[in-house]
Structure formats: C-alpha cells, structure tokens
Amino acid sequence: MMLYFAYGSNLDGDQIQKRCPQVRFSSTALLPQHRLAFTEYSKKWGCGVADVLQDPSCNVWGCVYELSDEDRDELHKYEQYDSRTDTGGYLWRPKRVWIEGDEQRVQPVFTYVVAEPQKNLFPSSDYLNQLIKGTRKWKLPVSHLEFLQKLKTTESTYRRYQAKKITGEDRNAALREYFQHYSKLAKVNPSLLNQKLPRRIFEEVLGEIGGLIQHRARELSEKDQAMIPFLESNSLPPSLGGELTPEIRAFCLLLNAVKQWSNAEQAAMDRLIFSGNVRRELKDLATGCPVCPEAFEKSSVELHHPVRDGRPPIPLSKEGHDTVEGLVVLEENDEVARKLIEHRKTAKPPYSWIRLRIGCLQASSEPLIEPLPDLTSNYLRTARRLFSKVSKKLELDDEGILTIMDRYNLGILSE
C-alpha cells in the first residue's frame, strides 16, 4: 500500500472512491511550508485546479489515503501523469506531512504537484465545492473551511451576468420539464435538438475582437514590463526569430489567455441558472433517449447542448447523440467541412465525433482534458488510430479537424 496526500478535488470521498475502488482513508494531515494555489487549467472544470507551492509562511490541510498499486496507476491516468517518463500535467512527488497537524508525527507520503504552474487562474464555485465537501467529510479544521469559502472564483472574476438560481423542488421540477420539452421536440423534428447560428453572423464582432487583440499585443510587446522580459528570456533561434516577431509572439500568448478566459466564461454561463452538478442530475433523470429510445442504456448516457445560449445539456444515448450531431447545417461553400462530415457518414465501422476529437487532442500540442471515466488506454489508442486514418484520408492535420469541429460544435466534451 502507498500513502497519498490529497488536498484538491480528491478530498471528495465519492470522487476518490469512484477513481480508486480499493482506497482507504488513513488520517487528516498538514503539509507544512506550502500554500494552496490554483495553477493548472482544467478543461473538464473550466477553471484553475489545485496545486501546492512551496511557501515557508503557509501550510496546507488535506487527508492521507492508502492506495493499492492498481489504484495508484488508475489515479495517475486521471491526473495526466505518465510514470514511465515522469511527465504530465501533474507530477507524482514525495512529501512529508504532519499527521493530524502534529509536527511530532511526521509521515512520508506522495502527492501531485503541477508540472508547469500558471498564474492568474481561479477555481470555479463548483470545483471549490468539491474541496469544501471533502473538508467537511474528513472534519478538517474550521480555519481551512473558512479559507476555502473566502477564495475568489471564476464566477466572481469573469461572470458578467447574474440570475436567480433555481433550487430545491423547483429545480427538480424544472429539470424534468426541460427533459420532457426536448423529448416532445425530438418526436416532431430531431434537428431542433441541434440549433446553431451561422458563424458569419458574428464575423463583424469577431473582427472587432481580433483587431483589439492585435492592438493590445503590439502594446504589450513594446511597453509591458512583464511581457518584454518574458519574450527575451524565452529566445528563439535566428531562423525563427526573424519571422516570429515580438508582436506576433505576444499576439499568440494573448490568444491563449483569451481561450482560457472564454472557457471560464462559458463554464460560468452554463451554470447561470442551475449551479452544482446539473449534468449528473440530468443523466440520473433520463429514463430514455428522446431520439433513439431503443438504444438507451443508463451506463452510456452522453450530454448534448441543443442550443449554446446558456441552457443546460440534454442526456442522449450514444446513438441518439451521433444522430443529432449528424444533422449539421453547414456554412455556404464550406467544402472541407462537408468532406469531413460525409466521411463520417459513410465510414465503416462508424465512429463518433467525440472519439475523433479525443484523437485530435492527443495528436495536438494542447493538453488532453482531465480523463473521463471511460477513457481507458484502449479507448485512447483507438482514438489515435481514428485520427490518423481520417487525417490521412482527408489530408487534414489535427488543427484543421479541430477547427471544423469547433466551428460546428461537433464532439463537445461536456462530461
């Protein structure tokens, strides 16, 4: 057995039990001379997630679990850690904690630390609630609970709109009504479950945003006291430096920041009316697939946003999800997208957009989302092979395929 110190979302007993079936709680513990920070962006949560940074003036409360070798290896997958190469989003590192906060009871443990910490990230209220739930379950000190409750979240940082939350029995009734509403629409016209505005409607706004980003990138590359030394300390060889000017590099860095901001903003808006784990509740609520009732299995429910306007997703079977996503209205003269969609329609064996997206993400330089429960090594392997096959057939790289899928909201990972 191995001792693992948890301080982030794995404090939640339900989550760690799901990920590690043989796990056993050992004790509460204090990690001295470290502080809790949020330095890794998670696509699953749409926010910054927990890390511990060395700081002689701070301590971090958490709990110690006993893990079997099998559970440890499974947990590594969730935390994106490759033990063979010692690489990943998180790294597995030895630490020494004080059992129940007693500095006389020092215990060697292992924990996860972020490989490349980022600045200016915040947790979402949903993510923070995971930590608070675990803090209460394991009866960590009240001071730690109060510390978590006072933290700034993505909602307080990014959210532009506020709405009254639907809670209690009203919430349950509203979710049932929502599911029944789309069940009726699916019988009339399944395409009503996949409504999108043509991108050209937003071209003027997107042009204005692009112009602003370019203007600010120029200013940052010429005047900003943080940007200039960062660019200088990350120099390029002469063959690249002449083409990638400071302004272009600042533009790319700013685009990445905007992408993170956009993800956090989207996550906040998705929870505008229904806070908490509405996705799980919708899955539990589903008694059948509105599109393909005969194909419904509770264990393979997928989530799909009928309209990306703040309303929650709806639960569908895999076959129903594939059917709805196949009803794509293409922009005029988008022949590349048409070829990709036709390829999927005629492919044998058929494949899902989600599997293709995951294959593309593995091939790209972008970090893969925090693994979902069904992302086994075999699933990831077949997703990579699918990407290679589609890429070769259509002569598209990962970026080209992902651009099309993002444009039409295909294979959105909404677990």
Protein backbone atom coordinates (compact mmCIF):
# COMPACT_ATOMS: atom_id res chain seq x y z
CA MET A 1 0.00 0.00 0.00
CA MET A 2 1.12 3.57 -0.71
CA LEU A 3 0.18 6.72 1.20
CA TYR A 4 -1.25 9.56 -0.91
CA PHE A 5 -1.85 13.09 0.39
CA ALA A 6 -4.93 14.70 -1.21
CA TYR A 7 -5.60 18.42 -0.99
CA GLY A 8 -7.71 19.15 -4.10
CA SER A 9 -10.85 17.61 -5.59
CA ASN A 10 -9.72 14.14 -4.46
CA LEU A 11 -10.64 15.22 -0.94
CA ASP A 12 -14.17 14.38 -2.07
CA GLY A 13 -14.76 10.85 -0.80
CA ASP A 14 -17.19 9.99 -3.61
CA GLN A 15 -14.74 11.05 -6.31
CA ILE A 16 -11.73 9.19 -4.90
CA GLN A 17 -13.85 6.06 -4.31
CA LYS A 18 -15.01 6.13 -7.93
CA ARG A 19 -11.48 6.54 -9.23
CA CYS A 20 -9.83 4.16 -6.76
CA PRO A 21 -12.25 1.40 -5.62
CA GLN A 22 -9.81 -0.07 -3.05
CA VAL A 23 -8.88 3.27 -1.44
CA ARG A 24 -8.88 3.59 2.36
CA PHE A 25 -8.91 6.79 4.40
CA SER A 26 -5.94 6.92 6.77
CA SER A 27 -5.94 10.30 8.53
CA THR A 28 -6.10 14.05 8.18
CA ALA A 29 -2.72 15.72 7.73
CA LEU A 30 -0.98 19.07 7.35
CA LEU A 31 1.60 19.76 4.63
CA PRO A 32 3.96 22.34 6.19
CA GLN A 33 5.67 25.19 4.35
CA HIS A 34 3.39 25.00 1.32
CA ARG A 35 0.39 27.03 0.17
CA LEU A 36 -2.70 26.03 -1.75
CA ALA A 37 -2.80 27.57 -5.23
CA PHE A 38 -4.73 27.05 -8.48
CA THR A 39 -2.11 26.85 -11.22
CA GLU A 40 -3.40 24.29 -13.74
CA TYR A 41 -6.27 24.97 -16.15
CA SER A 42 -8.75 22.09 -16.39
CA LYS A 43 -10.99 21.84 -19.45
CA LYS A 44 -13.28 19.50 -17.52
CA TRP A 45 -13.90 22.06 -14.78
CA GLY A 46 -13.40 25.16 -16.93
CA CYS A 47 -11.22 26.76 -14.27
CA GLY A 48 -7.94 26.64 -12.37
CA VAL A 49 -7.45 23.49 -10.27
CA ALA A 50 -5.45 22.87 -7.14
CA ASP A 51 -1.69 22.74 -6.66
CA VAL A 52 0.68 23.10 -3.68
CA LEU A 53 3.59 25.55 -3.94
CA GLN A 54 6.48 25.84 -1.51
CA ASP A 55 5.96 28.76 0.87
CA PRO A 56 7.60 28.85 4.33
CA SER A 57 4.80 31.06 5.68
CA CYS A 58 1.89 28.72 4.85
CA ASN A 59 0.53 25.21 5.48
CA VAL A 60 -2.00 23.12 3.55
CA TRP A 61 -4.57 20.81 5.13
CA GLY A 62 -5.64 17.61 3.42
CA CYS A 63 -6.07 13.92 4.07
CA VAL A 64 -3.97 10.78 3.62
CA TYR A 65 -5.36 7.81 1.70
CA GLU A 66 -3.97 4.30 1.41
CA LEU A 67 -3.71 3.28 -2.26
CA SER A 68 -3.06 -0.08 -3.85
CA ASP A 69 -0.67 -0.19 -6.79
CA GLU A 70 -3.65 -0.64 -9.12
CA ASP A 71 -5.48 2.38 -7.69
CA ARG A 72 -2.31 4.48 -7.85
CA ASP A 73 -1.86 3.63 -11.54
CA GLU A 74 -5.53 4.43 -12.24
CA LEU A 75 -5.26 7.73 -10.39
CA HIS A 76 -2.21 8.66 -12.48
CA LYS A 77 -4.42 8.46 -15.58
CA TYR A 78 -6.91 10.92 -14.10
CA GLU A 79 -4.12 13.31 -13.12
CA GLN A 80 -2.44 13.02 -16.55
CA TYR A 81 0.79 11.63 -15.09
CA ASP A 82 2.98 9.20 -17.06
CA SER A 83 5.14 7.34 -14.54
CA ARG A 84 7.31 5.85 -17.30
CA THR A 85 8.59 9.23 -18.44
CA ASP A 86 7.81 11.24 -15.28
CA THR A 87 5.83 13.74 -17.34
CA GLY A 88 2.29 15.08 -17.48
CA GLY A 89 0.02 17.85 -16.30
CA TYR A 90 0.69 16.78 -12.73
CA LEU A 91 3.84 15.13 -11.33
CA TRP A 92 3.95 12.49 -8.55
CA ARG A 93 6.27 13.73 -5.82
CA PRO A 94 7.28 12.68 -2.27
CA LYS A 95 6.41 15.00 0.61
CA ARG A 96 6.41 14.85 4.41
CA VAL A 97 3.20 15.69 6.26
CA TRP A 98 2.22 16.09 9.90
CA ILE A 99 -0.46 13.58 10.85
CA GLU A 100 -3.50 15.43 12.23
CA GLY A 101 -1.34 18.59 12.30
CA ASP A 102 1.07 17.20 14.92
CA GLU A 103 4.63 18.16 13.94
CA GLN A 104 5.93 15.28 16.06
CA ARG A 105 4.12 12.73 13.86
CA VAL A 106 5.89 13.13 10.53
CA GLN A 107 4.74 10.81 7.76
CA PRO A 108 6.32 10.38 4.28
CA VAL A 109 3.67 10.47 1.55
CA PHE A 110 3.29 11.11 -2.16
CA THR A 111 1.17 13.81 -3.75
CA TYR A 112 0.61 15.55 -7.08
CA VAL A 113 2.13 18.90 -8.00
CA VAL A 114 1.53 20.83 -11.21
CA ALA A 115 4.34 20.40 -13.74
CA GLU A 116 4.14 23.89 -15.23
CA PRO A 117 2.25 26.24 -12.88
CA GLN A 118 0.32 29.09 -14.50
CA LYS A 119 -0.57 32.43 -12.96
CA ASN A 120 -3.88 34.29 -12.73
CA LEU A 121 -6.13 31.23 -12.57
CA PHE A 122 -9.07 30.82 -10.22
CA PRO A 123 -11.26 27.87 -9.18
CA SER A 124 -14.92 27.75 -10.16
CA SER A 125 -17.53 27.61 -7.41
CA ASP A 126 -18.35 24.01 -8.43
CA TYR A 127 -14.72 22.95 -8.19
CA LEU A 128 -14.29 24.74 -4.89
CA ASN A 129 -17.39 22.97 -3.57
CA GLN A 130 -15.58 19.65 -4.16
CA LEU A 131 -12.82 20.78 -1.81
CA ILE A 132 -15.34 22.10 0.72
CA LYS A 133 -17.29 18.83 0.59
CA GLY A 134 -14.13 16.84 1.38
CA THR A 135 -13.08 19.30 4.06
CA ARG A 136 -16.37 18.75 5.85
CA LYS A 137 -16.41 15.00 5.35
CA TRP A 138 -12.97 14.47 6.89
CA LYS A 139 -13.57 17.15 9.55
CA LEU A 140 -10.58 19.31 8.65
CA PRO A 141 -10.09 22.43 10.81
CA VAL A 142 -12.71 25.17 10.59
CA SER A 143 -9.93 27.61 9.67
CA HIS A 144 -9.31 25.65 6.44
CA LEU A 145 -13.02 25.60 5.62
CA GLU A 146 -13.26 29.36 6.13
CA PHE A 147 -10.16 29.85 3.97
CA LEU A 148 -11.77 27.93 1.09
CA GLN A 149 -15.07 29.78 1.42
CA LYS A 150 -13.33 33.14 1.05
CA LEU A 151 -11.39 32.29 -2.12
CA LYS A 152 -12.08 34.24 -5.31
CA THR A 153 -13.73 32.11 -8.01
CA THR A 154 -14.07 32.27 -11.79
CA GLU A 155 -17.63 33.45 -11.29
CA SER A 156 -16.54 36.46 -9.24
CA THR A 157 -13.68 37.06 -11.67
CA TYR A 158 -15.28 36.51 -15.08
CA ARG A 159 -19.05 36.43 -14.81
CA ARG A 160 -20.85 39.32 -16.46
CA TYR A 161 -24.42 38.29 -15.69
CA GLN A 162 -26.31 37.16 -12.62
CA ALA A 163 -29.54 35.19 -12.45
CA LYS A 164 -31.64 33.78 -9.64
CA LYS A 165 -30.75 30.13 -9.10
CA ILE A 166 -33.47 27.51 -9.34
CA THR A 167 -33.16 25.29 -6.26
CA GLY A 168 -34.94 22.58 -4.27
CA GLU A 169 -38.15 21.10 -5.58
CA ASP A 170 -38.46 23.90 -8.16
CA ARG A 171 -35.09 22.78 -9.57
CA ASN A 172 -36.17 19.13 -9.85
CA ALA A 173 -39.44 20.13 -11.50
CA ALA A 174 -37.67 22.48 -13.93
CA LEU A 175 -35.17 19.78 -14.97
CA ARG A 176 -37.96 17.25 -15.55
CA GLU A 177 -39.90 19.81 -17.59
CA TYR A 178 -36.74 20.62 -19.59
CA PHE A 179 -36.13 16.96 -20.44
CA GLN A 180 -39.79 16.39 -21.37
CA HIS A 181 -39.74 19.51 -23.56
CA TYR A 182 -36.93 18.10 -25.71
CA SER A 183 -38.44 14.62 -25.71
CA LYS A 184 -41.50 16.12 -27.41
CA LEU A 185 -39.44 18.17 -29.87
CA ALA A 186 -37.39 15.11 -30.85
CA LYS A 187 -40.55 13.32 -31.99
CA VAL A 188 -41.51 16.27 -34.20
CA ASN A 189 -38.11 17.17 -35.62
CA PRO A 190 -34.77 15.87 -34.21
CA SER A 191 -32.89 18.75 -35.84
CA LEU A 192 -34.47 21.07 -33.23
CA LEU A 193 -32.05 19.45 -30.78
CA ASN A 194 -29.07 20.83 -32.68
CA GLN A 195 -29.62 24.52 -33.44
CA LYS A 196 -26.67 26.74 -34.39
CA LEU A 197 -26.27 30.23 -35.83
CA PRO A 198 -24.04 30.53 -38.90
CA ARG A 199 -20.66 31.90 -37.93
CA ARG A 200 -20.95 34.70 -40.49
CA ILE A 201 -23.47 36.40 -38.21
CA PHE A 202 -20.65 37.02 -35.74
CA GLU A 203 -17.99 37.99 -38.30
CA GLU A 204 -18.18 41.71 -37.56
CA VAL A 205 -17.91 41.21 -33.81
CA LEU A 206 -15.11 38.67 -34.19
CA GLY A 207 -13.28 41.10 -36.48
CA GLU A 208 -13.50 43.79 -33.81
CA ILE A 209 -12.20 41.38 -31.17
CA GLY A 210 -9.34 40.32 -33.44
CA GLY A 211 -8.40 43.93 -34.07
CA LEU A 212 -8.40 44.70 -30.35
CA ILE A 213 -6.22 41.67 -29.59
CA GLN A 214 -3.76 42.69 -32.31
CA HIS A 215 -3.64 46.28 -30.98
CA ARG A 216 -3.09 45.15 -27.40
CA ALA A 217 -0.46 42.60 -28.48
CA ARG A 218 1.52 45.38 -30.12
CA GLU A 219 1.33 47.47 -26.95
CA LEU A 220 2.32 44.55 -24.74
CA SER A 221 5.32 43.64 -26.90
CA GLU A 222 6.59 47.23 -26.87
CA LYS A 223 5.76 48.53 -23.38
CA ASP A 224 4.70 45.83 -20.91
CA GLN A 225 7.24 45.24 -18.15
CA ALA A 226 6.23 41.60 -17.76
CA MET A 227 5.84 40.67 -21.43
CA ILE A 228 9.16 42.09 -22.68
CA PRO A 229 11.45 40.20 -20.25
CA PHE A 230 9.37 37.03 -20.75
CA LEU A 231 9.94 37.16 -24.50
CA GLU A 232 13.62 37.93 -24.03
CA SER A 233 14.16 35.07 -21.57
CA ASN A 234 12.46 32.64 -23.98
CA SER A 235 14.60 33.44 -27.01
CA LEU A 236 14.28 31.83 -30.41
CA PRO A 237 17.00 30.61 -32.80
CA PRO A 238 17.78 33.12 -35.58
CA SER A 239 15.95 31.03 -38.18
CA LEU A 240 12.67 31.57 -36.30
CA GLY A 241 13.30 34.89 -34.58
CA GLY A 242 13.14 36.84 -37.82
CA GLU A 243 9.64 35.56 -38.60
CA LEU A 244 8.13 35.32 -35.12
CA THR A 245 8.39 38.96 -34.16
CA PRO A 246 7.73 40.07 -30.55
CA GLU A 247 4.31 41.35 -31.61
CA ILE A 248 3.32 38.01 -33.17
CA ARG A 249 4.52 36.12 -30.11
CA ALA A 250 2.61 38.48 -27.82
CA PHE A 251 -0.46 38.00 -30.03
CA CYS A 252 -0.23 34.19 -29.65
CA LEU A 253 0.21 34.44 -25.88
CA LEU A 254 -2.76 36.77 -25.66
CA LEU A 255 -4.86 34.40 -27.79
CA ASN A 256 -4.09 31.60 -25.36
CA ALA A 257 -5.14 33.79 -22.43
CA VAL A 258 -8.36 34.70 -24.26
CA LYS A 259 -9.03 30.99 -24.85
CA GLN A 260 -8.74 30.26 -21.12
CA TRP A 261 -10.92 33.25 -20.33
CA SER A 262 -13.51 32.09 -22.87
CA ASN A 263 -13.60 28.59 -21.38
CA ALA A 264 -14.10 30.00 -17.89
CA GLU A 265 -16.78 32.39 -19.13
CA GLN A 266 -18.59 29.56 -20.93
CA ALA A 267 -18.46 27.35 -17.84
CA ALA A 268 -19.91 30.17 -15.73
CA MET A 269 -22.73 30.81 -18.20
CA ASP A 270 -23.56 27.09 -18.39
CA ARG A 271 -24.24 27.27 -14.64
CA LEU A 272 -26.08 30.58 -14.72
CA ILE A 273 -29.45 29.15 -13.65
CA PHE A 274 -28.58 25.67 -12.37
CA SER A 275 -25.49 25.67 -10.17
CA GLY A 276 -23.92 22.47 -8.87
CA ASN A 277 -23.61 19.24 -10.81
CA VAL A 278 -26.62 19.68 -13.09
CA ARG A 279 -25.02 17.38 -15.68
CA ARG A 280 -25.03 14.43 -13.28
CA GLU A 281 -28.61 15.19 -12.25
CA LEU A 282 -29.75 15.27 -15.87
CA LYS A 283 -28.11 11.91 -16.52
CA ASP A 284 -29.83 10.42 -13.47
CA LEU A 285 -33.12 11.94 -14.61
CA ALA A 286 -33.04 10.33 -18.06
CA THR A 287 -35.37 7.36 -18.45
CA GLY A 288 -34.87 7.06 -22.20
CA CYS A 289 -33.25 8.73 -25.18
CA PRO A 290 -35.55 11.30 -26.88
CA VAL A 291 -34.01 10.48 -30.28
CA CYS A 292 -33.27 6.73 -30.14
CA PRO A 293 -35.34 5.21 -27.28
CA GLU A 294 -34.47 1.66 -28.28
CA ALA A 295 -30.74 2.34 -27.87
CA PHE A 296 -30.89 3.77 -24.35
CA GLU A 297 -28.54 2.41 -21.71
CA LYS A 298 -28.08 4.23 -18.42
CA SER A 299 -24.35 3.45 -18.35
CA SER A 300 -23.62 5.12 -21.70
CA VAL A 301 -25.58 8.38 -21.49
CA GLU A 302 -23.91 11.32 -23.26
CA LEU A 303 -24.71 15.02 -22.92
CA HIS A 304 -25.52 17.39 -25.77
CA HIS A 305 -26.28 21.14 -25.83
CA PRO A 306 -29.28 21.72 -28.14
CA VAL A 307 -28.50 25.47 -28.22
CA ARG A 308 -25.40 27.14 -26.79
CA ASP A 309 -27.31 30.01 -25.22
CA GLY A 310 -26.93 29.23 -21.52
CA ARG A 311 -29.43 26.38 -21.31
CA PRO A 312 -28.10 23.08 -19.88
CA PRO A 313 -27.36 19.99 -21.98
CA ILE A 314 -29.77 17.12 -22.50
CA PRO A 315 -28.99 13.42 -21.93
CA LEU A 316 -28.92 11.24 -25.05
CA SER A 317 -27.82 7.73 -25.88
CA LYS A 318 -24.62 7.43 -27.90
CA GLU A 319 -26.67 6.55 -30.99
CA GLY A 320 -29.03 9.47 -30.38
CA HIS A 321 -26.08 11.83 -29.88
CA ASP A 322 -24.49 10.68 -33.13
CA THR A 323 -27.81 11.09 -34.96
CA VAL A 324 -28.34 14.64 -33.71
CA GLU A 325 -24.75 15.67 -34.41
CA GLY A 326 -25.12 14.33 -37.94
CA LEU A 327 -27.83 16.93 -38.57
CA VAL A 328 -25.33 19.71 -39.22
CA VAL A 329 -26.23 22.81 -41.24
CA LEU A 330 -23.02 23.83 -42.99
CA GLU A 331 -21.94 27.32 -43.86
CA GLU A 332 -22.09 28.17 -47.55
CA ASN A 333 -19.14 26.84 -49.59
CA ASP A 334 -17.53 25.10 -46.59
CA GLU A 335 -16.35 22.17 -48.70
CA VAL A 336 -13.68 20.98 -46.27
CA ALA A 337 -16.26 20.58 -43.51
CA ARG A 338 -18.61 18.88 -45.96
CA LYS A 339 -15.93 16.29 -46.82
CA LEU A 340 -15.29 15.57 -43.13
CA ILE A 341 -19.00 15.13 -42.36
CA GLU A 342 -19.55 12.95 -45.45
CA HIS A 343 -16.56 10.82 -44.45
CA ARG A 344 -18.09 10.21 -41.05
CA LYS A 345 -21.49 9.33 -42.55
CA THR A 346 -20.00 6.70 -44.85
CA ALA A 347 -17.22 5.37 -42.60
CA LYS A 348 -17.17 1.66 -41.81
CA PRO A 349 -17.08 0.96 -38.98
CA PRO A 350 -18.86 4.19 -37.93
CA TYR A 351 -17.16 6.46 -35.42
CA SER A 352 -18.27 9.19 -33.02
CA TRP A 353 -17.24 12.85 -33.13
CA ILE A 354 -16.12 12.62 -29.50
CA ARG A 355 -13.67 9.81 -30.28
CA LEU A 356 -12.27 11.78 -33.23
CA ARG A 357 -11.90 14.90 -31.08
CA ILE A 358 -10.00 12.98 -28.41
CA GLY A 359 -7.74 11.51 -31.10
CA CYS A 360 -7.04 15.02 -32.41
CA LEU A 361 -6.33 16.33 -28.91
CA GLN A 362 -3.79 13.59 -28.34
CA ALA A 363 -2.05 14.48 -31.59
CA SER A 364 -2.02 18.22 -30.86
CA SER A 365 0.16 20.24 -28.53
CA GLU A 366 -2.88 21.09 -26.42
CA PRO A 367 -3.14 19.13 -23.14
CA LEU A 368 -5.86 16.49 -23.10
CA ILE A 369 -8.76 17.21 -20.79
CA GLU A 370 -8.77 15.59 -17.38
CA PRO A 371 -9.58 11.96 -18.25
CA LEU A 372 -13.20 10.88 -18.16
CA PRO A 373 -14.27 7.56 -16.61
CA ASP A 374 -14.46 5.74 -19.97
CA LEU A 375 -11.13 6.97 -21.33
CA THR A 376 -9.29 3.67 -20.97
CA SER A 377 -5.92 3.07 -22.60
CA ASN A 378 -7.72 1.08 -25.31
CA TYR A 379 -10.14 3.98 -25.96
CA LEU A 380 -7.25 6.43 -26.28
CA ARG A 381 -5.38 4.06 -28.58
CA THR A 382 -8.35 3.61 -30.93
CA ALA A 383 -8.97 7.38 -30.88
CA ARG A 384 -5.37 7.99 -32.00
CA ARG A 385 -5.75 5.43 -34.79
CA LEU A 386 -9.02 7.03 -35.87
CA PHE A 387 -7.39 10.46 -36.09
CA SER A 388 -4.51 9.06 -38.17
CA LYS A 389 -6.95 7.38 -40.56
CA VAL A 390 -9.15 10.47 -41.02
CA SER A 391 -6.15 12.79 -41.26
CA LYS A 392 -4.55 10.70 -43.99
CA LYS A 393 -7.79 10.26 -45.93
CA LEU A 394 -8.77 13.95 -45.94
CA GLU A 395 -5.25 15.43 -45.80
CA LEU A 396 -6.10 17.42 -42.67
CA ASP A 397 -3.93 17.82 -39.58
CA ASP A 398 -5.23 17.88 -36.01
CA GLU A 399 -5.65 21.65 -36.06
CA GLY A 400 -7.68 21.56 -39.27
CA ILE A 401 -10.04 18.87 -37.99
CA LEU A 402 -10.47 20.55 -34.59
CA THR A 403 -11.19 23.90 -36.28
CA ILE A 404 -14.10 22.33 -38.19
CA MET A 405 -15.39 20.50 -35.12
CA ASP A 406 -15.24 23.68 -33.03
CA ARG A 407 -17.00 25.68 -35.76
CA TYR A 408 -19.98 23.32 -35.73
CA ASN A 409 -19.80 22.21 -32.07
CA LEU A 410 -19.07 18.60 -33.02
CA GLY A 411 -17.97 16.16 -30.33
CA ILE A 412 -18.05 18.71 -27.50
CA LEU A 413 -16.63 17.12 -24.34
CA SER A 414 -19.30 18.07 -21.81
CA GLU A 415 -18.70 15.48 -19.07
